[in-house]
Amino acid sequence: MGRGPRVALVCVAVLAVAGGVTVALTHRSSTTASSGNKSVKLSTVAVVQKDLVTYTQTTATLGFTTSTTISSPVTGTVTSISKSGDTVDAGSIVATIDGKPVVAFIGDVPGYRDLSTSSTAGNDVRQLETNLVALGFDPNGKIHIDDVYDASTAAAVTLWEDSLGLTGDGKVPQSQIVYIPGQVLVDTVSATVGGAAQLGSALLTGRLAERKFLVAATVVLAGATRGGVVDRFLAATTPVTTGKVLFWQAGYPVVAIEGDANANPALQRDLKVGSVGADVKTLEQMLRAGGFDPTNAMTIDDHFDAATSAAVTAWWQSLGVTVDTTKAIVVPSGSYVVVPSGLFAGAPVVADGATIGGDAVVLSLTTAAREVTTTAPIGDATFALGATIDVEFPDSTIEPGTVVAVGNVATNTSNTPGATPSVPITIHVDKIPDAVNSFVQIPVTLRVVASSAPKAFVVPVSALVALAEGGYAIEIVTGKATDGTDATKLIPVTPGLFADGFVAVTGDQVQAGQNVVVPS
C-alpha cells in the first residue's frame, strides 16, 4: 500500500492584551466574575516540565504471516472433520477417514511412509519421537530422541494409540498422522463428511497462529544417563541465530546453528579429538563464524583435531565455562541444534532449573504469527532494519515495533512518474492486544517521532498571550492584591514546539510549578 504521512499540527489562537506588568483580576474578564467587591477566582494551570513530541503518522496493516493447508494422508471416506474456527495443535484429531483418526503432530518433515521397529533410520522417526515425548507418552523417559525406531518408540506409540481408542500395536501407518508447522486456526473446511478424500487432497486451510519448532534436551546416550539440569533459557522473543545459546544443560551451552534441520537436526553423539563426520564440520563452521579460531588454525572439514579442540575451549571460556585444559575436550551430545532461519525464542516448556530424567522437549522456537506490513521509499531511514516504531492499534493501545525486514523489490506505489520507488516493510510487535485477535487483517497506525522538545517547560496553547508590542507572554499569578484578588503579571516567553494542545516555552523567568492564567 502507499505510504502517506499525516503530521498532526496544532493551530494557535492567542489573545492580544495591552497592559502593564502587573494585572489585577478586574483587568481580565471571567465567566465567574460578579458585581461588587467579591473576589474573582482565576482559572490557572501549573507550568510543567516534560518531554513534548510530535509524530508523523502513516497507516499499515496487521495480518497473519502464513496460511497452512492440512492435506489428507490417505484415500477414503471422510467420516468426521474439524470445523471453521477450531484450533489444531499437536495431538488434535483433524478428521476421521473411514472411521480412523487422523492426528496432527508438529514437524516440518511430511509423513511419507509407515513406521515400525523394522523401519530404517530417518529424521521422520526423530520427529515422531519428539511429539510422543512432548505429549507425555514416554512417562518413564525411555525414549532417546534420535532417528532410530526402537522398542521404546514402539511402547510410546502403543500408549498413544490406546489413548485414541485404537488397539495399540506400536506401528504407525502413514494414514494416521499429518504434520503441521505449529498451531493452526481453521478458516476453510475443504472436505465434507461423507465425501471422498484423496491422498494429498486438502482437508482444511487455516492461519498459522503459532509456529512451533520443538527443541529437545538429550540426556540419555547409549544407555548412560547424563546430568539432566536445564536452565538459563534464551529470553522469549529473542532472535535465534547461529551461535545463540538456547539454554544450558548440565553446565554446558546448547546453541543454535542455522541450517537444514531435516538433514542434520542436532549433535547426536559426543565429539572429541579423533571424531570424524559431518557433525564435526557443522560445529567447526559455527566456531569459525563466532570468531573462536582467530588465526584460522582450524581446517573446516570432517575431522575433530587439536585446532578444533582449541576453538571449543575458546568458545566455552567466552561463555564462562571453566575448562580443565589438562583433560581432553569432549563436546557432549546435544550441544547444538540445527534450526531454520528466522525463528525467535518461545517460552520454555519446562521450568528453569528443572532436572529431567530422560530426553525431553524443553523449548519451542517460533516466528511471529502476525506482523505489521507497509511500504516506504527506498532509503527511508525511519524504516531501516532494526528501527523502532510505535504501532497504534484500533483500541488506542500503543506498542513498540521493530523493523525486521526491508524488501528488495521496489515499486512506484504512487503512480507518479519520477517518484521515489517504495519497498515493502515488515514490523514485528512483541505484544499484540487481544482486541484484534478475531481479525485476519486490520489497519493500524505507525507513529514516528517528527520533532521533540526534551524536558521542556510546557503550558496549554491557550495560555499564550500576544503582546501589542510584539512577541508572546504568559500571565502568571504572583500573589494577592490589596483587595484580596489574585495579582498577576506577564512574563515574556518564546514559543517552541506545539503538540496535543500544549506548547513548549522558554524565557528567563519561566519556572516549573508557576500558576499560569488560562481562559475560563
Protein backbone atom coordinates (compact mmCIF):
# COMPACT_ATOMS: atom_id res chain seq x y z
CA MET A 1 0.00 0.00 0.00
CA GLY A 2 1.15 3.58 -0.45
CA ARG A 3 2.65 5.48 2.39
CA GLY A 4 1.14 8.90 3.03
CA PRO A 5 2.40 10.61 6.20
CA ARG A 6 -0.11 12.68 8.14
CA VAL A 7 1.60 15.08 10.55
CA ALA A 8 -0.67 16.29 13.35
CA LEU A 9 -0.29 20.07 13.73
CA VAL A 10 -1.97 22.47 16.18
CA CYS A 11 -3.37 25.86 15.17
CA VAL A 12 -2.56 28.55 17.76
CA ALA A 13 -5.21 31.02 18.89
CA VAL A 14 -3.99 33.76 21.25
CA LEU A 15 -5.46 36.91 22.74
CA ALA A 16 -3.96 40.36 22.24
CA VAL A 17 -3.64 42.08 25.60
CA ALA A 18 -2.49 45.59 26.29
CA GLY A 19 -1.33 46.10 29.75
CA GLY A 20 1.23 46.71 32.34
CA VAL A 21 3.46 44.38 34.18
CA THR A 22 1.05 43.54 36.96
CA VAL A 23 -2.54 42.76 36.10
CA ALA A 24 -5.28 42.68 38.70
CA LEU A 25 -8.30 40.46 38.37
CA THR A 26 -10.58 43.30 37.31
CA HIS A 27 -8.44 43.81 34.22
CA ARG A 28 -9.40 40.40 32.79
CA SER A 29 -12.84 39.05 32.00
CA SER A 30 -14.02 35.85 33.61
CA THR A 31 -17.19 33.84 33.45
CA THR A 32 -17.11 33.70 37.25
CA ALA A 33 -16.93 37.48 37.69
CA SER A 34 -19.66 39.22 39.68
CA SER A 35 -20.55 42.78 40.69
CA GLY A 36 -19.36 44.47 43.83
CA ASN A 37 -16.15 43.75 45.69
CA LYS A 38 -16.40 39.96 45.58
CA SER A 39 -13.15 38.24 44.62
CA VAL A 40 -12.97 36.52 41.27
CA LYS A 41 -11.15 33.20 41.11
CA LEU A 42 -8.83 32.84 38.12
CA SER A 43 -8.55 29.69 36.07
CA THR A 44 -4.95 28.57 36.22
CA VAL A 45 -2.74 25.62 35.39
CA ALA A 46 0.78 24.87 36.52
CA VAL A 47 3.83 25.10 34.28
CA VAL A 48 5.14 21.54 33.95
CA GLN A 49 8.45 20.24 32.71
CA LYS A 50 8.17 17.22 30.41
CA ASP A 51 9.07 15.86 27.00
CA LEU A 52 6.89 17.25 24.20
CA VAL A 53 6.73 15.21 20.99
CA THR A 54 5.06 15.42 17.59
CA TYR A 55 4.65 12.43 15.33
CA THR A 56 4.48 11.59 11.67
CA GLN A 57 1.74 9.02 11.17
CA THR A 58 1.09 6.53 8.41
CA THR A 59 -1.27 3.61 8.01
CA ALA A 60 -0.20 -0.04 7.86
CA THR A 61 -1.79 -3.48 8.10
CA LEU A 62 -1.60 -6.12 10.82
CA GLY A 63 -2.13 -9.57 9.39
CA PHE A 64 -1.23 -13.23 9.73
CA THR A 65 2.03 -14.13 8.04
CA THR A 66 1.32 -17.70 6.93
CA SER A 67 -1.58 -19.75 5.62
CA THR A 68 -1.39 -23.52 6.05
CA THR A 69 -3.20 -26.33 4.25
CA ILE A 70 -3.70 -29.67 6.01
CA SER A 71 -3.93 -32.46 3.45
CA SER A 72 -5.26 -35.99 3.73
CA PRO A 73 -2.63 -38.68 4.34
CA VAL A 74 -4.89 -41.36 2.90
CA THR A 75 -7.64 -42.04 0.36
CA GLY A 76 -11.03 -42.82 1.86
CA THR A 77 -14.39 -41.51 3.02
CA VAL A 78 -14.46 -38.56 5.43
CA THR A 79 -16.47 -39.62 8.49
CA SER A 80 -15.82 -36.51 10.61
CA ILE A 81 -13.78 -33.30 10.25
CA SER A 82 -12.82 -30.18 12.19
CA LYS A 83 -14.91 -27.07 11.65
CA SER A 84 -14.08 -23.46 10.85
CA GLY A 85 -12.83 -21.65 13.95
CA ASP A 86 -11.30 -24.76 15.55
CA THR A 87 -7.71 -24.78 16.76
CA VAL A 88 -5.48 -27.61 15.53
CA ASP A 89 -2.37 -28.36 17.57
CA ALA A 90 -0.13 -31.30 18.45
CA GLY A 91 -2.36 -34.26 19.31
CA SER A 92 -5.53 -32.80 17.74
CA ILE A 93 -7.73 -35.14 15.70
CA VAL A 94 -8.06 -33.29 12.40
CA ALA A 95 -10.57 -35.68 10.87
CA THR A 96 -11.56 -39.31 10.74
CA ILE A 97 -11.33 -41.13 7.43
CA ASP A 98 -13.03 -44.49 7.10
CA GLY A 99 -13.68 -44.12 10.83
CA LYS A 100 -9.98 -43.92 11.74
CA PRO A 101 -8.46 -40.80 13.35
CA VAL A 102 -6.03 -38.55 11.51
CA VAL A 103 -3.93 -36.82 14.16
CA ALA A 104 -1.84 -33.64 13.87
CA PHE A 105 1.75 -33.66 15.11
CA ILE A 106 4.25 -30.78 15.00
CA GLY A 107 7.02 -31.02 12.41
CA ASP A 108 8.42 -29.81 9.12
CA VAL A 109 9.00 -33.24 7.56
CA PRO A 110 5.85 -34.63 5.89
CA GLY A 111 4.91 -38.20 6.67
CA TYR A 112 5.83 -40.39 3.71
CA ARG A 113 5.93 -43.98 4.98
CA ASP A 114 4.66 -46.40 7.58
CA LEU A 115 6.88 -46.58 10.68
CA SER A 116 7.74 -49.50 12.93
CA THR A 117 10.74 -51.18 14.52
CA SER A 118 11.61 -52.57 11.08
CA SER A 119 11.92 -49.05 9.58
CA THR A 120 15.28 -47.69 8.55
CA ALA A 121 16.67 -44.71 10.46
CA GLY A 122 15.35 -41.31 9.43
CA ASN A 123 14.54 -37.83 10.65
CA ASP A 124 10.83 -38.66 10.43
CA VAL A 125 11.45 -41.06 13.32
CA ARG A 126 13.07 -38.26 15.37
CA GLN A 127 10.09 -36.05 14.61
CA LEU A 128 7.64 -38.75 15.75
CA GLU A 129 9.61 -39.39 18.96
CA THR A 130 9.79 -35.66 19.73
CA ASN A 131 5.99 -35.40 19.58
CA LEU A 132 5.40 -38.55 21.62
CA VAL A 133 7.72 -37.26 24.34
CA ALA A 134 6.20 -33.75 24.26
CA LEU A 135 2.67 -35.17 24.57
CA GLY A 136 3.60 -37.31 27.58
CA PHE A 137 3.58 -40.78 26.03
CA ASP A 138 7.07 -41.62 27.35
CA PRO A 139 6.34 -41.30 31.09
CA ASN A 140 9.41 -43.27 32.19
CA GLY A 141 11.87 -41.39 29.98
CA LYS A 142 12.89 -44.44 27.96
CA ILE A 143 12.98 -42.82 24.51
CA HIS A 144 16.25 -41.48 23.21
CA ILE A 145 15.19 -38.83 20.69
CA ASP A 146 17.14 -39.88 17.62
CA ASP A 147 16.48 -41.30 14.17
CA VAL A 148 16.07 -44.93 15.27
CA TYR A 149 12.63 -46.53 15.79
CA ASP A 150 13.28 -48.95 18.66
CA ALA A 151 11.30 -50.77 21.34
CA SER A 152 10.96 -47.59 23.44
CA THR A 153 9.46 -45.79 20.47
CA ALA A 154 7.04 -48.65 19.88
CA ALA A 155 5.97 -48.63 23.53
CA ALA A 156 5.20 -44.88 23.37
CA VAL A 157 3.27 -45.37 20.12
CA THR A 158 1.20 -48.09 21.79
CA LEU A 159 0.26 -45.76 24.66
CA TRP A 160 -0.66 -43.03 22.21
CA GLU A 161 -2.78 -45.32 20.03
CA ASP A 162 -4.56 -46.67 23.10
CA SER A 163 -5.42 -43.08 24.11
CA LEU A 164 -7.17 -42.67 20.74
CA GLY A 165 -9.35 -45.72 21.33
CA LEU A 166 -7.33 -47.83 18.94
CA THR A 167 -5.71 -51.15 19.69
CA GLY A 168 -2.12 -50.08 20.02
CA ASP A 169 0.37 -52.26 18.18
CA GLY A 170 3.41 -49.99 18.24
CA LYS A 171 3.23 -49.35 14.50
CA VAL A 172 2.34 -46.04 12.82
CA PRO A 173 0.70 -46.22 9.39
CA GLN A 174 1.26 -43.19 7.17
CA SER A 175 -2.51 -42.61 7.19
CA GLN A 176 -2.55 -41.88 10.91
CA ILE A 177 -0.56 -38.61 11.18
CA VAL A 178 -0.37 -35.25 9.43
CA TYR A 179 2.47 -32.90 10.33
CA ILE A 180 1.81 -29.18 10.77
CA PRO A 181 4.34 -26.39 11.39
CA GLY A 182 2.52 -25.13 14.50
CA GLN A 183 -0.85 -24.24 15.94
CA VAL A 184 -3.38 -23.65 13.16
CA LEU A 185 -6.68 -21.73 13.30
CA VAL A 186 -9.08 -23.34 10.81
CA ASP A 187 -10.57 -20.93 8.28
CA THR A 188 -11.83 -23.12 5.43
CA VAL A 189 -13.01 -26.72 5.53
CA SER A 190 -12.39 -28.24 2.10
CA ALA A 191 -13.73 -31.73 2.69
CA THR A 192 -17.24 -32.77 3.68
CA VAL A 193 -18.50 -35.58 5.87
CA GLY A 194 -19.49 -38.42 3.58
CA GLY A 195 -17.32 -37.10 0.78
CA ALA A 196 -14.24 -38.75 -0.64
CA ALA A 197 -10.73 -37.69 0.37
CA GLN A 198 -7.82 -38.41 -1.92
CA LEU A 199 -4.25 -38.88 -0.76
CA GLY A 200 -2.80 -35.35 -0.72
CA SER A 201 -6.15 -33.56 -1.17
CA ALA A 202 -6.91 -30.57 1.05
CA LEU A 203 -8.88 -31.22 4.23
CA LEU A 204 -8.52 -27.82 5.93
CA THR A 205 -6.92 -24.45 5.34
CA GLY A 206 -6.09 -22.09 8.18
CA ARG A 207 -3.88 -19.41 9.62
CA LEU A 208 -0.65 -20.37 11.36
CA ALA A 209 -1.40 -18.90 14.78
CA GLU A 210 1.86 -20.09 16.33
CA ARG A 211 4.91 -21.52 14.60
CA LYS A 212 6.49 -24.31 16.64
CA PHE A 213 9.95 -25.77 16.28
CA LEU A 214 10.47 -28.20 19.15
CA VAL A 215 13.91 -28.37 20.79
CA ALA A 216 14.83 -31.40 22.88
CA ALA A 217 17.47 -31.89 25.55
CA THR A 218 19.29 -35.19 25.16
CA VAL A 219 20.32 -36.75 28.46
CA VAL A 220 20.48 -40.43 27.57
CA LEU A 221 23.07 -41.82 25.18
CA ALA A 222 23.93 -45.48 24.67
CA GLY A 223 22.27 -46.34 27.97
CA ALA A 224 24.29 -43.84 30.02
CA THR A 225 22.37 -41.07 31.80
CA ARG A 226 23.87 -37.59 31.81
CA GLY A 227 23.13 -34.71 34.15
CA GLY A 228 19.64 -33.51 33.36
CA VAL A 229 19.56 -29.96 34.77
CA VAL A 230 18.38 -27.42 32.18
CA ASP A 231 18.42 -23.71 32.91
CA ARG A 232 19.26 -20.19 31.65
CA PHE A 233 16.85 -20.31 28.72
CA LEU A 234 17.12 -17.75 25.96
CA ALA A 235 14.67 -14.92 26.67
CA ALA A 236 11.38 -15.19 24.79
CA THR A 237 11.14 -13.19 21.53
CA THR A 238 14.96 -13.11 21.15
CA PRO A 239 16.01 -13.76 17.51
CA VAL A 240 17.65 -17.18 17.13
CA THR A 241 20.86 -17.03 15.09
CA THR A 242 23.94 -19.23 14.71
CA GLY A 243 25.84 -19.40 18.00
CA LYS A 244 22.96 -18.14 20.14
CA VAL A 245 22.75 -20.14 23.38
CA LEU A 246 19.24 -21.61 23.63
CA PHE A 247 19.69 -23.00 27.14
CA TRP A 248 22.28 -24.65 29.37
CA GLN A 249 22.33 -28.33 30.17
CA ALA A 250 24.43 -29.81 32.96
CA GLY A 251 26.62 -26.70 32.90
CA TYR A 252 27.25 -26.67 29.14
CA PRO A 253 25.68 -24.44 26.46
CA VAL A 254 23.26 -25.75 23.86
CA VAL A 255 23.47 -23.47 20.83
CA ALA A 256 21.50 -22.93 17.66
CA ILE A 257 23.07 -23.35 14.24
CA GLU A 258 21.04 -22.11 11.28
CA GLY A 259 20.80 -24.69 8.52
CA ASP A 260 18.85 -27.63 7.14
CA ALA A 261 17.28 -29.13 10.25
CA ASN A 262 15.96 -32.06 8.26
CA ALA A 263 19.38 -33.16 7.04
CA ASN A 264 21.33 -32.62 10.28
CA PRO A 265 18.92 -31.95 13.16
CA ALA A 266 21.24 -32.00 16.18
CA LEU A 267 24.54 -33.23 17.57
CA GLN A 268 23.71 -36.87 18.35
CA ARG A 269 26.99 -38.05 19.84
CA ASP A 270 29.97 -36.85 21.88
CA LEU A 271 32.76 -35.24 19.85
CA LYS A 272 36.45 -35.31 20.74
CA VAL A 273 39.85 -35.45 19.08
CA GLY A 274 39.66 -38.23 16.51
CA SER A 275 35.93 -37.89 15.79
CA VAL A 276 35.13 -37.83 12.08
CA GLY A 277 31.86 -36.87 10.44
CA ALA A 278 29.64 -34.13 9.01
CA ASP A 279 28.60 -33.14 12.54
CA VAL A 280 32.22 -32.12 13.21
CA LYS A 281 32.20 -29.85 10.17
CA THR A 282 28.94 -28.21 11.32
CA LEU A 283 30.49 -27.49 14.73
CA GLU A 284 33.69 -26.11 13.15
CA GLN A 285 31.69 -23.79 10.89
CA MET A 286 29.89 -22.38 13.95
CA LEU A 287 33.20 -21.89 15.80
CA ARG A 288 34.78 -20.09 12.83
CA ALA A 289 31.70 -17.86 12.35
CA GLY A 290 31.79 -16.96 16.06
CA GLY A 291 35.41 -15.80 15.90
CA PHE A 292 36.80 -18.60 18.08
CA ASP A 293 39.52 -19.51 15.57
CA PRO A 294 41.08 -16.06 15.01
CA THR A 295 44.29 -17.38 13.41
CA ASN A 296 42.46 -19.81 11.07
CA ALA A 297 44.40 -22.69 12.57
CA MET A 298 41.36 -24.92 12.22
CA THR A 299 40.59 -26.63 8.93
CA ILE A 300 36.86 -26.76 8.25
CA ASP A 301 36.47 -30.45 7.49
CA ASP A 302 35.08 -33.63 9.00
CA HIS A 303 37.97 -34.13 11.45
CA PHE A 304 37.98 -33.08 15.11
CA ASP A 305 41.63 -32.28 15.82
CA ALA A 306 43.71 -30.19 18.22
CA ALA A 307 42.78 -26.95 16.46
CA THR A 308 39.08 -27.82 16.80
CA SER A 309 39.65 -28.56 20.48
CA ALA A 310 41.32 -25.15 20.96
CA ALA A 311 38.41 -23.39 19.28
CA VAL A 312 35.92 -25.23 21.51
CA THR A 313 37.93 -24.16 24.55
CA ALA A 314 37.86 -20.52 23.45
CA TRP A 315 34.11 -20.76 22.82
CA TRP A 316 33.34 -22.25 26.22
CA GLN A 317 35.60 -19.81 28.04
CA SER A 318 33.88 -16.87 26.35
CA LEU A 319 30.63 -18.08 27.93
CA GLY A 320 32.14 -18.50 31.38
CA VAL A 321 32.60 -22.27 31.32
CA THR A 322 35.52 -23.42 33.48
CA VAL A 323 37.70 -25.58 31.23
CA ASP A 324 40.25 -28.03 32.63
CA THR A 325 42.94 -27.75 29.97
CA THR A 326 44.79 -30.78 31.40
CA LYS A 327 41.98 -33.04 30.19
CA ALA A 328 40.80 -33.87 26.69
CA ILE A 329 37.94 -31.70 25.42
CA VAL A 330 34.69 -33.61 24.91
CA VAL A 331 31.72 -31.81 23.35
CA PRO A 332 28.61 -33.51 24.79
CA SER A 333 25.88 -34.82 22.53
CA GLY A 334 23.07 -32.33 22.16
CA SER A 335 25.44 -29.33 22.33
CA TYR A 336 23.99 -27.88 19.16
CA VAL A 337 20.60 -27.90 17.45
CA VAL A 338 20.23 -27.10 13.74
CA VAL A 339 17.28 -24.74 13.21
CA PRO A 340 15.65 -22.94 10.27
CA SER A 341 16.46 -19.24 9.87
CA GLY A 342 14.11 -16.53 11.06
CA LEU A 343 12.98 -18.08 14.34
CA PHE A 344 12.55 -16.46 17.76
CA ALA A 345 12.78 -18.00 21.21
CA GLY A 346 9.44 -19.03 22.64
CA ALA A 347 8.53 -19.80 26.22
CA PRO A 348 10.37 -22.74 27.86
CA VAL A 349 8.36 -25.96 28.09
CA VAL A 350 9.94 -26.89 31.44
CA ALA A 351 10.79 -24.76 34.46
CA ASP A 352 14.17 -23.03 34.52
CA GLY A 353 16.46 -25.23 36.63
CA ALA A 354 14.37 -28.38 36.13
CA THR A 355 16.01 -31.79 36.28
CA ILE A 356 14.82 -34.09 33.51
CA GLY A 357 15.27 -37.82 33.84
CA GLY A 358 15.33 -38.59 30.13
CA ASP A 359 15.24 -36.91 26.75
CA ALA A 360 12.66 -34.14 26.86
CA VAL A 361 11.29 -31.27 24.81
CA VAL A 362 12.38 -28.19 26.77
CA LEU A 363 11.88 -25.25 24.41
CA SER A 364 9.77 -24.26 21.44
CA LEU A 365 11.07 -21.81 18.87
CA THR A 366 8.58 -19.71 16.96
CA THR A 367 8.01 -16.97 14.42
CA ALA A 368 5.58 -14.11 14.57
CA ALA A 369 2.11 -15.34 13.67
CA ARG A 370 1.09 -11.77 12.86
CA GLU A 371 3.20 -8.87 11.70
CA VAL A 372 2.64 -5.32 10.53
CA THR A 373 3.34 -4.53 6.89
CA THR A 374 3.58 -1.26 4.98
CA THR A 375 5.70 0.33 2.26
CA ALA A 376 8.32 3.07 2.47
CA PRO A 377 10.50 4.96 -0.01
CA ILE A 378 13.87 3.38 -0.76
CA GLY A 379 16.46 4.52 1.77
CA ASP A 380 13.96 5.97 4.27
CA ALA A 381 15.99 5.84 7.49
CA THR A 382 12.80 5.78 9.54
CA PHE A 383 12.20 2.23 8.33
CA ALA A 384 15.78 0.98 8.42
CA LEU A 385 16.31 -2.60 9.53
CA GLY A 386 16.17 -2.71 13.33
CA ALA A 387 14.47 0.68 13.71
CA THR A 388 11.88 1.06 16.47
CA ILE A 389 8.43 2.34 15.50
CA ASP A 390 5.35 2.77 17.69
CA VAL A 391 2.27 0.91 16.47
CA GLU A 392 -1.16 2.21 17.48
CA PHE A 393 -3.95 -0.36 17.36
CA PRO A 394 -7.66 0.39 16.84
CA ASP A 395 -8.32 0.14 20.60
CA SER A 396 -5.78 3.02 21.08
CA THR A 397 -3.20 0.64 22.54
CA ILE A 398 0.34 1.68 21.53
CA GLU A 399 3.12 -0.92 21.45
CA PRO A 400 6.72 -0.65 20.20
CA GLY A 401 7.53 -2.46 16.96
CA THR A 402 10.83 -3.36 15.32
CA VAL A 403 11.56 -3.34 11.59
CA VAL A 404 12.57 -6.96 10.89
CA ALA A 405 12.56 -6.98 7.09
CA VAL A 406 13.10 -4.45 4.31
CA GLY A 407 12.11 -5.76 0.90
CA ASN A 408 14.34 -5.75 -2.17
CA VAL A 409 11.59 -5.44 -4.80
CA ALA A 410 10.79 -1.76 -5.41
CA THR A 411 7.60 -0.42 -6.96
CA ASN A 412 6.16 3.01 -7.72
CA THR A 413 3.12 2.83 -5.45
CA SER A 414 2.13 6.47 -6.05
CA ASN A 415 1.90 6.02 -9.85
CA THR A 416 3.62 9.41 -10.16
CA PRO A 417 6.34 9.49 -12.86
CA GLY A 418 9.75 10.08 -11.31
CA ALA A 419 8.59 9.38 -7.75
CA THR A 420 10.95 7.51 -5.44
CA PRO A 421 10.08 3.80 -5.57
CA SER A 422 8.91 2.08 -2.39
CA VAL A 423 9.80 -1.27 -0.85
CA PRO A 424 7.75 -3.49 1.46
CA ILE A 425 8.46 -3.18 5.17
CA THR A 426 7.74 -5.77 7.86
CA ILE A 427 7.45 -4.74 11.51
CA HIS A 428 7.42 -7.19 14.42
CA VAL A 429 5.38 -6.33 17.54
CA ASP A 430 6.01 -8.48 20.62
CA LYS A 431 2.72 -7.72 22.36
CA ILE A 432 -0.43 -7.54 20.24
CA PRO A 433 -3.64 -6.59 22.09
CA ASP A 434 -6.36 -9.20 22.43
CA ALA A 435 -8.88 -6.77 20.91
CA VAL A 436 -7.65 -7.64 17.39
CA ASN A 437 -7.50 -11.42 17.81
CA SER A 438 -10.65 -12.10 15.80
CA PHE A 439 -9.44 -10.24 12.70
CA VAL A 440 -7.47 -11.84 9.89
CA GLN A 441 -6.29 -8.36 8.83
CA ILE A 442 -6.85 -4.96 10.40
CA PRO A 443 -5.44 -1.46 9.77
CA VAL A 444 -3.07 0.07 12.32
CA THR A 445 -1.25 3.39 12.61
CA LEU A 446 2.52 3.80 12.71
CA ARG A 447 3.84 6.69 14.79
CA VAL A 448 7.33 8.05 14.21
CA VAL A 449 8.81 10.95 16.18
CA ALA A 450 8.94 14.01 13.91
CA SER A 451 10.09 16.62 16.46
CA SER A 452 10.75 16.61 20.16
CA ALA A 453 11.49 19.05 22.96
CA PRO A 454 13.01 17.08 25.86
CA LYS A 455 12.40 18.35 29.41
CA ALA A 456 10.66 21.47 28.11
CA PHE A 457 8.56 23.92 30.15
CA VAL A 458 5.07 23.24 28.86
CA VAL A 459 1.79 25.19 29.08
CA PRO A 460 -1.53 24.91 27.26
CA VAL A 461 -1.59 26.78 23.94
CA SER A 462 -4.48 28.87 25.28
CA ALA A 463 -2.14 30.32 27.94
CA LEU A 464 -0.12 32.24 25.30
CA VAL A 465 -0.77 35.99 25.21
CA ALA A 466 0.12 38.04 22.11
CA LEU A 467 1.72 41.33 23.18
CA ALA A 468 0.82 44.60 21.50
CA GLU A 469 4.49 45.43 21.06
CA GLY A 470 5.12 42.05 19.51
CA GLY A 471 6.10 38.67 20.87
CA TYR A 472 4.37 36.49 23.40
CA ALA A 473 3.96 36.17 27.14
CA ILE A 474 2.22 34.07 29.72
CA GLU A 475 0.31 35.51 32.64
CA ILE A 476 1.40 34.07 35.98
CA VAL A 477 -0.12 34.53 39.44
CA THR A 478 2.27 36.39 41.76
CA GLY A 479 0.21 36.54 44.93
CA LYS A 480 -2.70 38.59 46.31
CA ALA A 481 -3.56 42.21 45.56
CA THR A 482 -4.58 44.61 48.38
CA ASP A 483 -8.26 43.98 47.61
CA GLY A 484 -7.80 40.24 48.07
CA THR A 485 -7.88 39.37 44.41
CA ASP A 486 -5.14 37.41 42.67
CA ALA A 487 -2.31 39.55 41.35
CA THR A 488 -0.69 38.50 38.11
CA LYS A 489 1.99 39.65 35.75
CA LEU A 490 3.02 38.93 32.20
CA ILE A 491 6.41 37.35 31.60
CA PRO A 492 7.87 37.16 28.11
CA VAL A 493 8.26 33.73 26.52
CA THR A 494 9.34 32.30 23.20
CA PRO A 495 7.01 29.56 21.92
CA GLY A 496 8.65 26.36 20.71
CA LEU A 497 7.15 23.02 19.73
CA PHE A 498 3.37 22.69 19.60
CA ALA A 499 1.78 19.27 20.24
CA ASP A 500 -1.55 17.95 21.50
CA GLY A 501 -2.80 21.36 22.66
CA PHE A 502 0.40 22.25 24.52
CA VAL A 503 3.38 24.43 23.68
CA ALA A 504 6.97 24.42 24.89
CA VAL A 505 8.02 27.89 26.12
CA THR A 506 11.39 29.35 27.00
CA GLY A 507 12.19 32.53 28.93
CA ASP A 508 14.41 33.79 31.73
CA GLN A 509 11.54 33.92 34.21
CA VAL A 510 9.83 30.63 33.39
CA GLN A 511 9.87 28.01 36.15
CA ALA A 512 8.11 24.70 36.73
CA GLY A 513 5.19 24.99 39.11
CA GLN A 514 4.22 28.58 38.26
CA ASN A 515 0.45 29.08 38.06
CA VAL A 516 -0.46 30.33 34.60
CA VAL A 517 -3.76 32.01 33.78
CA VAL A 518 -5.87 30.31 31.11
CA PRO A 519 -9.27 31.27 29.69
CA SER A 520 -12.15 30.04 31.84
